[in-house]
Amino acid sequence: MKRFAVCSLILALFAGVCTSAHAQLIRVDELGNMTVAGGPGPAGFISPDPVSGFPTLTYLLPGFAGVPGDVVLLEPGNSQPSDIIRFPGNGRMYFFSDQGSEGPEPGVLADGPLPPIGALPSVVFPEVGPEGSNGLFGYAPGVGGIGGGPTLPVYDFISDGTIPEPSTALLLCCAVPLILNRRRR
């Protein structure tokens, strides 16, 4: 019984450390899904970007304005912009995804024309990952970088695909004490 209690305590502390290490993680996809620190965030909605006037997928930032600028993602192989994530400094993030020649995909709220680049400062990154689950992962602007704020956000911009389910490691941390207890019986 003592061993079980010690193992449960260690696993609970490990789970707490795992989740607090990503306290500022903000994940968004082009379908309107957002998570903040592993929990659900406000859903995205369509509204006009105040810089270009183009309607696109909009997210509310969690309690900070965001340093103004554009995060530009380039298509692998041809270096053409595929996504623009715009932070105009108004507490919102605007997600633009190039619809391509085929037109917008059903359910992809960010698909549409890309706005002009250059009205705001910008940073450029190549998309990473296999087609269907690519984007920019671990973008950490700090306090003064584009999209930054006092909470030191770290972003995952998922260009193709959706936000993944909770991590397997965290789920295992929760399940191991139950398995050990059942085995003890």
Protein backbone atom coordinates (compact mmCIF):
# COMPACT_ATOMS: atom_id res chain seq x y z
CA MET A 1 0.00 0.00 0.00
CA LYS A 2 2.87 2.33 0.86
CA ARG A 3 4.55 1.63 -2.49
CA PHE A 4 1.31 2.34 -4.31
CA ALA A 5 0.91 5.69 -2.50
CA VAL A 6 4.51 6.71 -3.28
CA CYS A 7 4.16 5.74 -6.97
CA SER A 8 0.90 7.65 -7.24
CA LEU A 9 2.45 10.76 -5.67
CA ILE A 10 5.47 10.63 -7.98
CA LEU A 11 3.28 10.21 -11.06
CA ALA A 12 0.98 13.04 -9.96
CA LEU A 13 3.98 15.35 -9.49
CA PHE A 14 5.37 14.29 -12.88
CA ALA A 15 2.03 15.04 -14.54
CA GLY A 16 1.97 18.47 -12.86
CA VAL A 17 5.48 19.26 -14.08
CA CYS A 18 4.60 18.11 -17.63
CA THR A 19 1.58 20.39 -17.83
CA SER A 20 3.18 23.43 -16.16
CA ALA A 21 6.15 23.30 -18.54
CA HIS A 22 3.74 24.27 -21.35
CA ALA A 23 1.68 26.84 -19.43
CA GLN A 24 1.99 29.39 -22.26
CA LEU A 25 1.45 26.98 -25.20
CA ILE A 26 -1.19 28.25 -27.62
CA ARG A 27 -2.17 25.87 -30.44
CA VAL A 28 -4.38 26.88 -33.33
CA ASP A 29 -5.38 25.21 -36.57
CA GLU A 30 -7.07 26.47 -39.72
CA LEU A 31 -10.39 24.87 -38.73
CA GLY A 32 -11.11 27.20 -35.79
CA ASN A 33 -9.75 25.02 -32.94
CA MET A 34 -7.64 26.57 -30.19
CA THR A 35 -6.05 25.19 -27.03
CA VAL A 36 -4.35 27.23 -24.33
CA ALA A 37 -2.04 25.41 -21.90
CA GLY A 38 -3.55 22.09 -23.01
CA GLY A 39 -7.16 23.09 -22.32
CA PRO A 40 -9.76 24.26 -24.80
CA GLY A 41 -9.56 27.91 -25.79
CA PRO A 42 -12.18 30.09 -27.41
CA ALA A 43 -13.25 28.85 -30.83
CA GLY A 44 -12.19 30.79 -33.87
CA PHE A 45 -14.68 32.86 -35.84
CA ILE A 46 -14.73 34.82 -39.09
CA SER A 47 -14.11 38.56 -38.95
CA PRO A 48 -12.34 41.15 -41.11
CA ASP A 49 -8.63 41.72 -40.52
CA PRO A 50 -8.27 45.44 -39.62
CA VAL A 51 -5.13 45.85 -41.77
CA SER A 52 -6.31 44.38 -45.11
CA GLY A 53 -10.08 44.27 -44.57
CA PHE A 54 -10.13 40.61 -45.74
CA PRO A 55 -12.47 38.36 -43.73
CA THR A 56 -10.67 35.36 -42.24
CA LEU A 57 -10.40 33.03 -39.27
CA THR A 58 -9.95 35.04 -36.08
CA TYR A 59 -8.84 33.96 -32.61
CA LEU A 60 -8.97 35.89 -29.35
CA LEU A 61 -5.60 35.95 -27.59
CA PRO A 62 -5.71 34.88 -23.92
CA GLY A 63 -5.38 38.18 -22.04
CA PHE A 64 -2.77 40.13 -24.02
CA ALA A 65 -2.72 42.30 -27.15
CA GLY A 66 0.11 40.59 -29.07
CA VAL A 67 2.99 42.54 -30.61
CA PRO A 68 1.95 43.67 -34.11
CA GLY A 69 3.29 41.82 -37.16
CA ASP A 70 2.90 38.90 -39.54
CA VAL A 71 4.21 35.34 -39.17
CA VAL A 72 4.58 34.08 -42.74
CA LEU A 73 4.78 30.33 -43.45
CA LEU A 74 6.35 29.19 -46.71
CA GLU A 75 5.26 26.15 -48.69
CA PRO A 76 8.00 23.49 -48.63
CA GLY A 77 9.82 23.20 -51.93
CA ASN A 78 8.64 26.35 -53.69
CA SER A 79 9.09 29.09 -51.02
CA GLN A 80 5.69 30.62 -51.76
CA PRO A 81 3.63 31.92 -48.80
CA SER A 82 1.05 29.33 -47.76
CA ASP A 83 -0.17 30.86 -44.50
CA ILE A 84 -0.03 34.24 -42.80
CA ILE A 85 -0.79 34.61 -39.11
CA ARG A 86 -1.39 38.28 -38.39
CA PHE A 87 -1.18 40.00 -35.02
CA PRO A 88 -2.39 43.60 -35.40
CA GLY A 89 -1.99 44.35 -31.67
CA ASN A 90 -5.70 44.33 -30.83
CA GLY A 91 -5.86 41.11 -28.78
CA ARG A 92 -6.73 39.03 -31.83
CA MET A 93 -4.84 36.72 -34.16
CA TYR A 94 -5.92 36.40 -37.81
CA PHE A 95 -5.13 33.11 -39.61
CA PHE A 96 -4.97 33.26 -43.43
CA SER A 97 -4.37 30.08 -45.45
CA ASP A 98 -3.90 30.09 -49.20
CA GLN A 99 -6.87 28.33 -50.77
CA GLY A 100 -4.86 27.42 -53.86
CA SER A 101 -6.30 27.05 -57.33
CA GLU A 102 -8.84 24.45 -56.17
CA GLY A 103 -10.71 26.97 -54.01
CA PRO A 104 -11.49 26.70 -50.30
CA GLU A 105 -11.70 23.26 -48.70
CA PRO A 106 -14.99 22.49 -46.90
CA GLY A 107 -14.74 23.32 -43.19
CA VAL A 108 -11.38 25.11 -43.45
CA LEU A 109 -12.25 28.54 -42.09
CA ALA A 110 -8.84 30.09 -42.83
CA ASP A 111 -8.91 29.29 -46.58
CA GLY A 112 -9.10 32.33 -48.80
CA PRO A 113 -6.91 34.90 -50.49
CA LEU A 114 -3.71 35.87 -48.69
CA PRO A 115 -3.45 39.53 -47.68
CA PRO A 116 -0.59 41.71 -48.89
CA ILE A 117 2.59 41.39 -46.81
CA GLY A 118 4.54 44.48 -45.80
CA ALA A 119 2.02 46.66 -43.95
CA LEU A 120 3.35 45.22 -40.67
CA PRO A 121 6.76 43.84 -39.68
CA SER A 122 7.08 40.15 -40.56
CA VAL A 123 9.05 37.01 -39.80
CA VAL A 124 9.26 34.13 -42.28
CA PHE A 125 9.50 30.40 -41.55
CA PRO A 126 9.22 27.28 -43.70
CA GLU A 127 6.37 24.90 -42.90
CA VAL A 128 7.63 21.71 -41.30
CA GLY A 129 6.14 18.25 -41.11
CA PRO A 130 4.51 15.90 -43.58
CA GLU A 131 1.72 17.14 -45.82
CA GLY A 132 -1.54 16.88 -43.92
CA SER A 133 -0.03 17.73 -40.50
CA ASN A 134 2.42 20.52 -41.15
CA GLY A 135 2.84 24.03 -39.83
CA LEU A 136 5.11 25.93 -37.45
CA PHE A 137 5.67 24.38 -34.04
CA GLY A 138 7.25 25.97 -30.97
CA TYR A 139 7.28 29.58 -32.21
CA ALA A 140 8.35 31.55 -29.12
CA PRO A 141 8.32 35.32 -29.77
CA GLY A 142 9.10 36.31 -26.17
CA VAL A 143 7.80 39.63 -24.88
CA GLY A 144 8.77 41.84 -27.83
CA GLY A 145 8.62 39.53 -30.87
CA ILE A 146 5.70 39.37 -33.29
CA GLY A 147 2.72 37.90 -31.41
CA GLY A 148 4.57 38.17 -28.11
CA GLY A 149 3.25 39.31 -24.78
CA PRO A 150 3.89 39.38 -21.05
CA THR A 151 2.82 35.73 -20.62
CA LEU A 152 5.65 34.60 -22.97
CA PRO A 153 3.39 32.64 -25.33
CA VAL A 154 4.67 29.75 -27.40
CA TYR A 155 2.65 28.97 -30.51
CA ASP A 156 1.91 25.91 -32.62
CA PHE A 157 0.32 26.98 -35.92
CA ILE A 158 -1.14 23.86 -37.52
CA SER A 159 -1.52 24.59 -41.21
CA ASP A 160 -2.86 21.30 -42.49
CA GLY A 161 -4.73 19.11 -40.03
CA THR A 162 -6.25 19.61 -36.62
CA ILE A 163 -4.99 20.05 -33.09
CA PRO A 164 -3.94 16.62 -31.81
CA GLU A 165 -5.58 14.94 -28.84
CA PRO A 166 -3.99 15.23 -25.36
CA SER A 167 -0.53 13.70 -25.20
CA THR A 168 -0.21 10.00 -24.63
CA ALA A 169 2.38 10.54 -21.90
CA LEU A 170 -0.04 12.63 -19.86
CA LEU A 171 -2.80 10.06 -20.28
CA LEU A 172 -0.42 7.29 -19.19
CA CYS A 173 0.54 9.30 -16.09
CA CYS A 174 -3.11 9.35 -15.13
CA ALA A 175 -3.74 5.68 -15.93
CA VAL A 176 -0.70 4.02 -14.30
CA PRO A 177 -1.91 4.46 -10.68
CA LEU A 178 -5.23 2.84 -11.63
CA ILE A 179 -3.46 -0.09 -13.29
CA LEU A 180 -1.16 -0.56 -10.30
CA ASN A 181 -4.11 -0.51 -7.91
CA ARG A 182 -5.97 -3.10 -9.98
CA ARG A 183 -2.88 -5.31 -10.17
CA ARG A 184 -2.43 -5.12 -6.37
CA ARG A 185 -5.93 -6.52 -5.86
